[in-house]
Amino acid sequence: RDQQSFSFLYDNYSGALYSIVLQV
């Protein structure tokens, strides 16, 4: 549960995940 790791995850993958969610 390292905060910086989750920040990295969000910064790098939120765009791709958002596009998947937006399609549905």
PDB file of all heavy atoms in Angstrom:
ATOM      1  N   ARG A   1       0.818  -1.218   0.000  1.00  0.00           N
ATOM      2  CA  ARG A   1       0.000   0.000   0.000  1.00  0.00           C
ATOM      3  C   ARG A   1       0.853   1.269   0.000  1.00  0.00           C
ATOM      4  O   ARG A   1       0.550   2.243   0.686  1.00  0.00           O
ATOM      5  CB  ARG A   1      -0.962   0.020   1.167  1.00  0.00           C
ATOM      6  CG  ARG A   1      -1.794  -1.224   1.291  1.00  0.00           C
ATOM      7  CD  ARG A   1      -3.230  -0.917   1.040  1.00  0.00           C
ATOM      8  NE  ARG A   1      -4.054  -2.051   1.424  1.00  0.00           N
ATOM      9  CZ  ARG A   1      -4.705  -2.780   0.540  1.00  0.00           C
ATOM     10  NH1 ARG A   1      -4.622  -2.504  -0.713  1.00  0.00           N
ATOM     11  NH2 ARG A   1      -5.448  -3.786   0.931  1.00  0.00           N
ATOM     12  N   ASP A   2       1.912   1.239  -0.791  1.00  0.00           N
ATOM     13  CA  ASP A   2       2.784   2.396  -0.935  1.00  0.00           C
ATOM     14  C   ASP A   2       2.080   3.460  -1.781  1.00  0.00           C
ATOM     15  O   ASP A   2       1.679   3.203  -2.915  1.00  0.00           O
ATOM     16  CB  ASP A   2       4.103   1.987  -1.586  1.00  0.00           C
ATOM     17  CG  ASP A   2       5.026   3.167  -1.798  1.00  0.00           C
ATOM     18  OD1 ASP A   2       5.175   3.981  -0.869  1.00  0.00           O
ATOM     19  OD2 ASP A   2       5.581   3.267  -2.911  1.00  0.00           O
ATOM     20  N   GLN A   3       1.925   4.651  -1.225  1.00  0.00           N
ATOM     21  CA  GLN A   3       1.209   5.755  -1.867  1.00  0.00           C
ATOM     22  C   GLN A   3       1.851   6.145  -3.201  1.00  0.00           C
ATOM     23  O   GLN A   3       1.153   6.403  -4.175  1.00  0.00           O
ATOM     24  CB  GLN A   3       1.191   6.961  -0.922  1.00  0.00           C
ATOM     25  CG  GLN A   3       0.151   7.992  -1.274  1.00  0.00           C
ATOM     26  CD  GLN A   3      -1.196   7.650  -0.686  1.00  0.00           C
ATOM     27  OE1 GLN A   3      -1.275   7.008   0.338  1.00  0.00           O
ATOM     28  NE2 GLN A   3      -2.251   8.088  -1.325  1.00  0.00           N
ATOM     29  N   GLN A   4       3.171   6.188  -3.249  1.00  0.00           N
ATOM     30  CA  GLN A   4       3.860   6.581  -4.481  1.00  0.00           C
ATOM     31  C   GLN A   4       3.647   5.558  -5.590  1.00  0.00           C
ATOM     32  O   GLN A   4       3.516   5.927  -6.756  1.00  0.00           O
ATOM     33  CB  GLN A   4       5.358   6.766  -4.227  1.00  0.00           C
ATOM     34  CG  GLN A   4       5.681   8.017  -3.446  1.00  0.00           C
ATOM     35  CD  GLN A   4       7.179   8.175  -3.251  1.00  0.00           C
ATOM     36  OE1 GLN A   4       7.905   7.193  -3.168  1.00  0.00           O
ATOM     37  NE2 GLN A   4       7.615   9.424  -3.166  1.00  0.00           N
ATOM     38  N   SER A   5       3.571   4.310  -5.245  1.00  0.00           N
ATOM     39  CA  SER A   5       3.327   3.269  -6.249  1.00  0.00           C
ATOM     40  C   SER A   5       1.944   3.420  -6.854  1.00  0.00           C
ATOM     41  O   SER A   5       1.760   3.285  -8.063  1.00  0.00           O
ATOM     42  CB  SER A   5       3.465   1.880  -5.631  1.00  0.00           C
ATOM     43  OG  SER A   5       4.772   1.676  -5.183  1.00  0.00           O
ATOM     44  N   PHE A   6       0.963   3.729  -6.023  1.00  0.00           N
ATOM     45  CA  PHE A   6      -0.382   3.931  -6.541  1.00  0.00           C
ATOM     46  C   PHE A   6      -0.483   5.217  -7.346  1.00  0.00           C
ATOM     47  O   PHE A   6      -1.206   5.279  -8.329  1.00  0.00           O
ATOM     48  CB  PHE A   6      -1.424   3.898  -5.407  1.00  0.00           C
ATOM     49  CG  PHE A   6      -1.877   2.512  -5.099  1.00  0.00           C
ATOM     50  CD1 PHE A   6      -1.302   1.806  -4.069  1.00  0.00           C
ATOM     51  CD2 PHE A   6      -2.856   1.893  -5.849  1.00  0.00           C
ATOM     52  CE1 PHE A   6      -1.693   0.509  -3.780  1.00  0.00           C
ATOM     53  CE2 PHE A   6      -3.256   0.604  -5.581  1.00  0.00           C
ATOM     54  CZ  PHE A   6      -2.683  -0.090  -4.540  1.00  0.00           C
ATOM     55  N   SER A   7       0.241   6.228  -6.957  1.00  0.00           N
ATOM     56  CA  SER A   7       0.284   7.458  -7.752  1.00  0.00           C
ATOM     57  C   SER A   7       0.864   7.172  -9.125  1.00  0.00           C
ATOM     58  O   SER A   7       0.353   7.650 -10.142  1.00  0.00           O
ATOM     59  CB  SER A   7       1.118   8.528  -7.048  1.00  0.00           C
ATOM     60  OG  SER A   7       0.491   8.936  -5.871  1.00  0.00           O
ATOM     61  N   PHE A   8       1.941   6.394  -9.159  1.00  0.00           N
ATOM     62  CA  PHE A   8       2.547   5.999 -10.429  1.00  0.00           C
ATOM     63  C   PHE A   8       1.545   5.219 -11.279  1.00  0.00           C
ATOM     64  O   PHE A   8       1.397   5.454 -12.472  1.00  0.00           O
ATOM     65  CB  PHE A   8       3.799   5.152 -10.182  1.00  0.00           C
ATOM     66  CG  PHE A   8       4.419   4.623 -11.444  1.00  0.00           C
ATOM     67  CD1 PHE A   8       5.270   5.421 -12.192  1.00  0.00           C
ATOM     68  CD2 PHE A   8       4.143   3.334 -11.881  1.00  0.00           C
ATOM     69  CE1 PHE A   8       5.838   4.935 -13.370  1.00  0.00           C
ATOM     70  CE2 PHE A   8       4.705   2.845 -13.047  1.00  0.00           C
ATOM     71  CZ  PHE A   8       5.553   3.650 -13.794  1.00  0.00           C
ATOM     72  N   LEU A   9       0.841   4.285 -10.641  1.00  0.00           N
ATOM     73  CA  LEU A   9      -0.165   3.479 -11.323  1.00  0.00           C
ATOM     74  C   LEU A   9      -1.251   4.378 -11.922  1.00  0.00           C
ATOM     75  O   LEU A   9      -1.615   4.227 -13.095  1.00  0.00           O
ATOM     76  CB  LEU A   9      -0.782   2.504 -10.315  1.00  0.00           C
ATOM     77  CG  LEU A   9      -1.334   1.197 -10.821  1.00  0.00           C
ATOM     78  CD1 LEU A   9      -0.247   0.362 -11.465  1.00  0.00           C
ATOM     79  CD2 LEU A   9      -1.956   0.423  -9.664  1.00  0.00           C
ATOM     80  N   TYR A  10      -1.738   5.317 -11.139  1.00  0.00           N
ATOM     81  CA  TYR A  10      -2.779   6.222 -11.611  1.00  0.00           C
ATOM     82  C   TYR A  10      -2.261   7.086 -12.764  1.00  0.00           C
ATOM     83  O   TYR A  10      -2.924   7.222 -13.795  1.00  0.00           O
ATOM     84  CB  TYR A  10      -3.292   7.118 -10.478  1.00  0.00           C
ATOM     85  CG  TYR A  10      -4.418   8.007 -10.929  1.00  0.00           C
ATOM     86  CD1 TYR A  10      -5.719   7.535 -10.937  1.00  0.00           C
ATOM     87  CD2 TYR A  10      -4.183   9.305 -11.374  1.00  0.00           C
ATOM     88  CE1 TYR A  10      -6.766   8.336 -11.376  1.00  0.00           C
ATOM     89  CE2 TYR A  10      -5.216  10.111 -11.817  1.00  0.00           C
ATOM     90  CZ  TYR A  10      -6.498   9.616 -11.816  1.00  0.00           C
ATOM     91  OH  TYR A  10      -7.535  10.406 -12.266  1.00  0.00           O
ATOM     92  N   ASP A  11      -1.100   7.672 -12.593  1.00  0.00           N
ATOM     93  CA  ASP A  11      -0.547   8.559 -13.616  1.00  0.00           C
ATOM     94  C   ASP A  11      -0.341   7.851 -14.943  1.00  0.00           C
ATOM     95  O   ASP A  11      -0.536   8.446 -16.003  1.00  0.00           O
ATOM     96  CB  ASP A  11       0.781   9.156 -13.147  1.00  0.00           C
ATOM     97  CG  ASP A  11       0.616  10.133 -11.988  1.00  0.00           C
ATOM     98  OD1 ASP A  11      -0.521  10.611 -11.762  1.00  0.00           O
ATOM     99  OD2 ASP A  11       1.623  10.393 -11.294  1.00  0.00           O
ATOM    100  N   ASN A  12       0.044   6.588 -14.906  1.00  0.00           N
ATOM    101  CA  ASN A  12       0.392   5.877 -16.127  1.00  0.00           C
ATOM    102  C   ASN A  12      -0.749   5.074 -16.750  1.00  0.00           C
ATOM    103  O   ASN A  12      -0.682   4.752 -17.931  1.00  0.00           O
ATOM    104  CB  ASN A  12       1.594   4.961 -15.884  1.00  0.00           C
ATOM    105  CG  ASN A  12       2.852   5.766 -15.703  1.00  0.00           C
ATOM    106  OD1 ASN A  12       3.358   6.338 -16.646  1.00  0.00           O
ATOM    107  ND2 ASN A  12       3.325   5.847 -14.471  1.00  0.00           N
ATOM    108  N   TYR A  13      -1.771   4.753 -15.979  1.00  0.00           N
ATOM    109  CA  TYR A  13      -2.820   3.879 -16.492  1.00  0.00           C
ATOM    110  C   TYR A  13      -4.227   4.476 -16.464  1.00  0.00           C
ATOM    111  O   TYR A  13      -5.150   3.891 -17.012  1.00  0.00           O
ATOM    112  CB  TYR A  13      -2.828   2.550 -15.734  1.00  0.00           C
ATOM    113  CG  TYR A  13      -1.566   1.764 -15.946  1.00  0.00           C
ATOM    114  CD1 TYR A  13      -0.584   1.707 -14.957  1.00  0.00           C
ATOM    115  CD2 TYR A  13      -1.326   1.099 -17.138  1.00  0.00           C
ATOM    116  CE1 TYR A  13       0.586   1.000 -15.158  1.00  0.00           C
ATOM    117  CE2 TYR A  13      -0.156   0.387 -17.346  1.00  0.00           C
ATOM    118  CZ  TYR A  13       0.799   0.345 -16.359  1.00  0.00           C
ATOM    119  OH  TYR A  13       1.961  -0.347 -16.556  1.00  0.00           O
ATOM    120  N   SER A  14      -4.415   5.622 -15.851  1.00  0.00           N
ATOM    121  CA  SER A  14      -5.767   6.181 -15.740  1.00  0.00           C
ATOM    122  C   SER A  14      -6.355   6.510 -17.107  1.00  0.00           C
ATOM    123  O   SER A  14      -7.553   6.315 -17.326  1.00  0.00           O
ATOM    124  CB  SER A  14      -5.777   7.407 -14.832  1.00  0.00           C
ATOM    125  OG  SER A  14      -4.953   8.423 -15.368  1.00  0.00           O
ATOM    126  N   GLY A  15      -5.549   6.991 -18.038  1.00  0.00           N
ATOM    127  CA  GLY A  15      -6.054   7.327 -19.369  1.00  0.00           C
ATOM    128  C   GLY A  15      -6.613   6.115 -20.100  1.00  0.00           C
ATOM    129  O   GLY A  15      -7.703   6.161 -20.677  1.00  0.00           O
ATOM    130  N   ALA A  16      -5.866   5.026 -20.076  1.00  0.00           N
ATOM    131  CA  ALA A  16      -6.312   3.803 -20.749  1.00  0.00           C
ATOM    132  C   ALA A  16      -7.562   3.235 -20.081  1.00  0.00           C
ATOM    133  O   ALA A  16      -8.510   2.822 -20.762  1.00  0.00           O
ATOM    134  CB  ALA A  16      -5.195   2.761 -20.733  1.00  0.00           C
ATOM    135  N   LEU A  17      -7.584   3.238 -18.764  1.00  0.00           N
ATOM    136  CA  LEU A  17      -8.749   2.709 -18.047  1.00  0.00           C
ATOM    137  C   LEU A  17      -9.975   3.599 -18.259  1.00  0.00           C
ATOM    138  O   LEU A  17     -11.092   3.098 -18.409  1.00  0.00           O
ATOM    139  CB  LEU A  17      -8.437   2.566 -16.556  1.00  0.00           C
ATOM    140  CG  LEU A  17      -7.331   1.565 -16.204  1.00  0.00           C
ATOM    141  CD1 LEU A  17      -7.088   1.539 -14.709  1.00  0.00           C
ATOM    142  CD2 LEU A  17      -7.647   0.178 -16.728  1.00  0.00           C
ATOM    143  N   TYR A  18      -9.750   4.905 -18.308  1.00  0.00           N
ATOM    144  CA  TYR A  18     -10.858   5.837 -18.554  1.00  0.00           C
ATOM    145  C   TYR A  18     -11.482   5.573 -19.922  1.00  0.00           C
ATOM    146  O   TYR A  18     -12.711   5.582 -20.055  1.00  0.00           O
ATOM    147  CB  TYR A  18     -10.360   7.281 -18.460  1.00  0.00           C
ATOM    148  CG  TYR A  18     -11.418   8.312 -18.769  1.00  0.00           C
ATOM    149  CD1 TYR A  18     -12.396   8.632 -17.840  1.00  0.00           C
ATOM    150  CD2 TYR A  18     -11.440   8.959 -19.994  1.00  0.00           C
ATOM    151  CE1 TYR A  18     -13.373   9.579 -18.114  1.00  0.00           C
ATOM    152  CE2 TYR A  18     -12.410   9.905 -20.280  1.00  0.00           C
ATOM    153  CZ  TYR A  18     -13.371  10.208 -19.342  1.00  0.00           C
ATOM    154  OH  TYR A  18     -14.337  11.144 -19.625  1.00  0.00           O
ATOM    155  N   SER A  19     -10.670   5.319 -20.932  1.00  0.00           N
ATOM    156  CA  SER A  19     -11.218   5.073 -22.269  1.00  0.00           C
ATOM    157  C   SER A  19     -12.039   3.790 -22.301  1.00  0.00           C
ATOM    158  O   SER A  19     -13.068   3.727 -22.967  1.00  0.00           O
ATOM    159  CB  SER A  19     -10.116   5.050 -23.322  1.00  0.00           C
ATOM    160  OG  SER A  19      -9.269   3.939 -23.146  1.00  0.00           O
ATOM    161  N   ILE A  20     -11.631   2.779 -21.554  1.00  0.00           N
ATOM    162  CA  ILE A  20     -12.408   1.531 -21.466  1.00  0.00           C
ATOM    163  C   ILE A  20     -13.747   1.796 -20.787  1.00  0.00           C
ATOM    164  O   ILE A  20     -14.798   1.377 -21.259  1.00  0.00           O
ATOM    165  CB  ILE A  20     -11.625   0.449 -20.689  1.00  0.00           C
ATOM    166  CG1 ILE A  20     -10.370   0.032 -21.444  1.00  0.00           C
ATOM    167  CG2 ILE A  20     -12.498  -0.760 -20.380  1.00  0.00           C
ATOM    168  CD1 ILE A  20     -10.606  -0.587 -22.795  1.00  0.00           C
ATOM    169  N   VAL A  21     -13.714   2.526 -19.687  1.00  0.00           N
ATOM    170  CA  VAL A  21     -14.946   2.846 -18.949  1.00  0.00           C
ATOM    171  C   VAL A  21     -15.872   3.689 -19.821  1.00  0.00           C
ATOM    172  O   VAL A  21     -17.077   3.446 -19.891  1.00  0.00           O
ATOM    173  CB  VAL A  21     -14.617   3.576 -17.619  1.00  0.00           C
ATOM    174  CG1 VAL A  21     -15.869   4.123 -16.977  1.00  0.00           C
ATOM    175  CG2 VAL A  21     -13.882   2.641 -16.676  1.00  0.00           C
ATOM    176  N   LEU A  22     -15.314   4.665 -20.525  1.00  0.00           N
ATOM    177  CA  LEU A  22     -16.112   5.555 -21.363  1.00  0.00           C
ATOM    178  C   LEU A  22     -16.796   4.811 -22.505  1.00  0.00           C
ATOM    179  O   LEU A  22     -17.902   5.151 -22.900  1.00  0.00           O
ATOM    180  CB  LEU A  22     -15.241   6.688 -21.909  1.00  0.00           C
ATOM    181  CG  LEU A  22     -15.949   7.832 -22.605  1.00  0.00           C
ATOM    182  CD1 LEU A  22     -16.955   8.502 -21.669  1.00  0.00           C
ATOM    183  CD2 LEU A  22     -14.939   8.856 -23.104  1.00  0.00           C
ATOM    184  N   GLN A  23     -16.165   3.769 -23.010  1.00  0.00           N
ATOM    185  CA  GLN A  23     -16.794   2.966 -24.060  1.00  0.00           C
ATOM    186  C   GLN A  23     -18.050   2.275 -23.557  1.00  0.00           C
ATOM    187  O   GLN A  23     -19.012   2.116 -24.289  1.00  0.00           O
ATOM    188  CB  GLN A  23     -15.815   1.909 -24.587  1.00  0.00           C
ATOM    189  CG  GLN A  23     -14.713   2.476 -25.439  1.00  0.00           C
ATOM    190  CD  GLN A  23     -13.725   1.407 -25.864  1.00  0.00           C
ATOM    191  OE1 GLN A  23     -13.972   0.215 -25.726  1.00  0.00           O
ATOM    192  NE2 GLN A  23     -12.590   1.840 -26.372  1.00  0.00           N
ATOM    193  N   VAL A  24     -18.053   1.882 -22.309  1.00  0.00           N
ATOM    194  CA  VAL A  24     -19.203   1.173 -21.745  1.00  0.00           C
ATOM    195  C   VAL A  24     -20.252   2.158 -21.237  1.00  0.00           C
ATOM    196  O   VAL A  24     -21.443   2.004 -21.505  1.00  0.00           O
ATOM    197  CB  VAL A  24     -18.755   0.229 -20.603  1.00  0.00           C
ATOM    198  CG1 VAL A  24     -19.952  -0.436 -19.940  1.00  0.00           C
ATOM    199  CG2 VAL A  24     -17.786  -0.817 -21.122  1.00  0.00           C
TER     200      VAL A  24
END
